[in-house]
Amino acid sequence: LGTVLASPGDCVVVEQPTYFLARDVFGSVGLATLPAPMLADGTMDLEGLAAQIAKQREQGRDVKLLYVVPVHSNPTSRNMSAQQKQEYIDFAEAQGLTIVADEVYELLNFGKRSVESPPFRELCGGGGDHVISLNSFSKICAPGLRCGWVLASKEVVKKVAASGVLSSGGGMNPVMTATMAEALRSGRMQDL
């Protein structure tokens, strides 16, 4: 997504603390991370962040993405409420940012759903180009799988599908990607 929705030199806002590999992943495609100011409750200080974004833009750096781990956050294990997610969606829309919601832990519940708030994409009615949800089969099927999916608007999905990584064989793991696609198509995912 870093190469599809941003350009080298652009900034990605990240929570503090954030998933330990996020900076490396974004940095590997030339994106700078902008640590968000945080409040005592573990949410971003959106007023302070707006000031940081304005300063970056005054200096000629574009801020394009807002990366969050909203459910069972790694490393804090914090869960965002629906209200907090909606505040982030409204903020991102006002600032012209795309939220990259790393929701790989969304489906990790033992028994009754332990998270009361819906995923980010559900809060914006499944629409909107400014919210993207990342998910992973490695969390719900097999730890070494390294295969996942993206929930996004049709326009964003088209951009991702047209990227060189996917056109070169279906992603980083084309055999497993094809296996999981068939499991979903055939209804066999329930058996896995």
Protein backbone atom coordinates (compact mmCIF):
# COMPACT_ATOMS: atom_id res chain seq x y z
CA LEU A 1 0.00 0.00 0.00
CA GLY A 2 2.90 2.31 0.65
CA THR A 3 3.80 2.33 -3.04
CA VAL A 4 0.21 2.51 -4.27
CA LEU A 5 -1.17 5.28 -2.04
CA ALA A 6 1.94 7.33 -1.31
CA SER A 7 5.25 8.34 -2.85
CA PRO A 8 8.80 8.22 -1.49
CA GLY A 9 9.30 11.09 0.93
CA ASP A 10 5.65 11.16 2.04
CA CYS A 11 4.78 10.67 5.71
CA VAL A 12 2.75 8.02 7.48
CA VAL A 13 1.29 8.86 10.91
CA VAL A 14 1.79 6.02 13.41
CA GLU A 15 0.55 5.50 16.96
CA GLN A 16 2.99 5.48 19.87
CA PRO A 17 3.90 2.76 20.46
CA THR A 18 3.10 1.02 17.21
CA TYR A 19 3.65 -2.42 15.69
CA PHE A 20 7.41 -2.84 15.82
CA LEU A 21 7.85 -3.60 12.11
CA ALA A 22 5.64 -0.75 10.84
CA ARG A 23 8.51 1.74 10.60
CA ASP A 24 10.67 -0.75 8.70
CA VAL A 25 7.86 -1.67 6.29
CA PHE A 26 7.05 1.96 5.49
CA GLY A 27 10.71 2.96 5.42
CA SER A 28 11.53 0.20 2.92
CA VAL A 29 9.39 2.01 0.32
CA GLY A 30 10.77 5.45 1.15
CA LEU A 31 8.05 6.67 3.50
CA ALA A 32 8.85 8.56 6.70
CA THR A 33 6.92 7.80 9.87
CA LEU A 34 5.43 10.65 11.87
CA PRO A 35 4.90 9.65 15.52
CA ALA A 36 1.49 10.85 16.64
CA PRO A 37 1.13 12.70 19.92
CA MET A 38 -0.83 10.48 22.30
CA LEU A 39 -3.31 11.09 25.11
CA ALA A 40 -3.26 9.33 28.49
CA ASP A 41 -6.02 6.94 27.33
CA GLY A 42 -3.79 5.63 24.52
CA THR A 43 -5.55 7.43 21.67
CA MET A 44 -4.03 9.98 19.37
CA ASP A 45 -4.17 13.65 20.31
CA LEU A 46 -5.94 14.68 17.11
CA GLU A 47 -5.61 18.41 17.78
CA GLY A 48 -1.86 18.06 18.33
CA LEU A 49 -1.61 15.78 15.31
CA ALA A 50 -3.38 18.33 13.10
CA ALA A 51 -0.71 20.86 14.10
CA GLN A 52 2.08 18.35 13.30
CA ILE A 53 0.55 17.58 9.91
CA ALA A 54 0.23 21.30 9.09
CA LYS A 55 3.91 21.80 10.01
CA GLN A 56 4.99 18.87 7.81
CA ARG A 57 2.99 20.22 4.89
CA GLU A 58 4.44 23.73 5.40
CA GLN A 59 7.87 22.11 5.06
CA GLY A 60 6.83 20.50 1.78
CA ARG A 61 6.30 16.97 3.10
CA ASP A 62 2.98 15.37 2.30
CA VAL A 63 1.25 13.29 4.95
CA LYS A 64 -0.84 10.62 3.23
CA LEU A 65 -1.52 7.70 5.57
CA LEU A 66 -2.67 7.12 9.14
CA TYR A 67 -1.64 3.64 10.35
CA VAL A 68 -3.47 2.12 13.33
CA VAL A 69 -3.84 -1.28 14.99
CA PRO A 70 -7.33 -0.79 16.47
CA VAL A 71 -8.10 -4.22 17.95
CA HIS A 72 -5.89 -6.13 20.40
CA SER A 73 -3.25 -3.58 19.42
CA ASN A 74 0.30 -4.80 19.11
CA PRO A 75 2.10 -3.97 21.43
CA THR A 76 -0.42 -2.34 23.82
CA SER A 77 -3.37 -4.81 23.49
CA ARG A 78 -5.70 -1.79 23.53
CA ASN A 79 -9.06 -1.88 21.72
CA MET A 80 -10.58 1.22 20.14
CA SER A 81 -14.23 2.02 20.75
CA ALA A 82 -16.60 2.72 17.88
CA GLN A 83 -16.59 6.39 18.92
CA GLN A 84 -12.78 6.57 18.80
CA LYS A 85 -12.74 4.93 15.38
CA GLN A 86 -15.35 7.38 14.11
CA GLU A 87 -13.28 10.30 15.40
CA TYR A 88 -10.27 8.96 13.48
CA ILE A 89 -12.39 8.53 10.32
CA ASP A 90 -13.68 12.11 10.58
CA PHE A 91 -10.16 13.41 11.26
CA ALA A 92 -8.67 11.49 8.32
CA GLU A 93 -11.36 12.75 5.98
CA ALA A 94 -10.82 16.36 7.11
CA GLN A 95 -7.02 16.04 6.73
CA GLY A 96 -7.10 14.18 3.41
CA LEU A 97 -5.51 11.05 4.92
CA THR A 98 -6.14 7.40 4.20
CA ILE A 99 -6.52 5.23 7.30
CA VAL A 100 -4.65 1.95 7.04
CA ALA A 101 -6.33 -0.12 9.74
CA ASP A 102 -4.19 -3.15 10.52
CA GLU A 103 -7.10 -5.29 11.67
CA VAL A 104 -5.34 -8.65 11.64
CA TYR A 105 -6.51 -9.32 15.21
CA GLU A 106 -10.16 -8.43 14.49
CA LEU A 107 -11.20 -12.08 14.18
CA LEU A 108 -9.18 -13.31 17.17
CA ASN A 109 -11.81 -13.99 19.78
CA PHE A 110 -12.30 -17.08 21.83
CA GLY A 111 -16.00 -17.65 22.29
CA LYS A 112 -18.16 -14.52 22.42
CA ARG A 113 -16.78 -11.52 20.52
CA SER A 114 -14.66 -9.60 23.01
CA VAL A 115 -14.50 -6.38 21.00
CA GLU A 116 -17.65 -4.28 20.99
CA SER A 117 -16.77 -1.90 18.14
CA PRO A 118 -17.15 -2.85 14.48
CA PRO A 119 -14.21 -2.84 12.05
CA PHE A 120 -13.25 0.53 10.55
CA ARG A 121 -14.77 -0.19 7.11
CA GLU A 122 -18.16 -1.00 8.65
CA LEU A 123 -18.25 2.40 10.34
CA CYS A 124 -18.05 4.17 7.00
CA GLY A 125 -20.64 1.87 5.44
CA GLY A 126 -18.00 -0.11 3.57
CA GLY A 127 -17.48 2.94 1.35
CA GLY A 128 -15.05 5.75 1.24
CA ASP A 129 -11.61 5.79 -0.29
CA HIS A 130 -10.07 6.95 2.98
CA VAL A 131 -10.34 3.69 4.99
CA ILE A 132 -8.47 0.48 4.19
CA SER A 133 -8.59 -2.63 6.33
CA LEU A 134 -5.74 -5.16 6.34
CA ASN A 135 -6.40 -8.72 7.49
CA SER A 136 -4.42 -11.95 7.70
CA PHE A 137 -5.05 -15.66 7.39
CA SER A 138 -1.97 -16.23 9.56
CA LYS A 139 -3.96 -15.16 12.62
CA ILE A 140 -7.06 -17.30 11.97
CA CYS A 141 -5.74 -20.26 10.01
CA ALA A 142 -2.01 -20.97 10.39
CA PRO A 143 0.74 -18.77 11.91
CA GLY A 144 3.26 -19.18 9.08
CA LEU A 145 0.76 -18.56 6.29
CA ARG A 146 1.79 -14.94 5.52
CA CYS A 147 -1.23 -14.40 3.32
CA GLY A 148 -4.00 -11.88 3.85
CA TRP A 149 -6.58 -9.64 2.26
CA VAL A 150 -7.43 -5.98 1.87
CA LEU A 151 -10.88 -4.46 2.31
CA ALA A 152 -11.09 -1.15 0.49
CA SER A 153 -13.11 0.83 -2.03
CA LYS A 154 -13.23 -0.44 -5.60
CA GLU A 155 -10.91 2.38 -6.68
CA VAL A 156 -8.26 1.44 -4.11
CA VAL A 157 -8.58 -2.28 -4.86
CA LYS A 158 -8.02 -1.54 -8.55
CA LYS A 159 -4.84 0.39 -7.71
CA VAL A 160 -3.57 -2.43 -5.49
CA ALA A 161 -4.44 -5.09 -8.08
CA ALA A 162 -2.51 -3.15 -10.74
CA SER A 163 0.67 -2.96 -8.63
CA GLY A 164 3.75 -4.79 -9.85
CA VAL A 165 3.94 -7.03 -6.79
CA LEU A 166 0.57 -8.60 -7.49
CA SER A 167 0.91 -8.77 -11.27
CA SER A 168 4.19 -10.67 -10.87
CA GLY A 169 2.48 -13.75 -9.45
CA GLY A 170 -0.29 -12.91 -7.06
CA GLY A 171 1.77 -11.46 -4.23
CA MET A 172 4.68 -12.61 -2.18
CA ASN A 173 3.35 -16.16 -1.90
CA PRO A 174 1.38 -17.09 -5.06
CA VAL A 175 0.88 -20.79 -4.24
CA MET A 176 -0.58 -20.09 -0.80
CA THR A 177 -2.61 -17.18 -2.16
CA ALA A 178 -4.19 -19.48 -4.75
CA THR A 179 -4.83 -22.14 -2.07
CA MET A 180 -6.58 -19.68 0.23
CA ALA A 181 -8.58 -18.20 -2.67
CA GLU A 182 -9.84 -21.70 -3.52
CA ALA A 183 -10.66 -22.39 0.15
CA LEU A 184 -12.80 -19.25 0.19
CA ARG A 185 -14.43 -19.89 -3.19
CA SER A 186 -15.32 -23.48 -2.36
CA GLY A 187 -16.58 -22.76 1.18
CA ARG A 188 -13.83 -24.96 2.68
CA MET A 189 -12.44 -22.16 4.85
CA GLN A 190 -14.68 -23.41 7.66
CA ASP A 191 -12.75 -26.72 7.59
CA LEU A 192 -9.34 -25.11 8.01
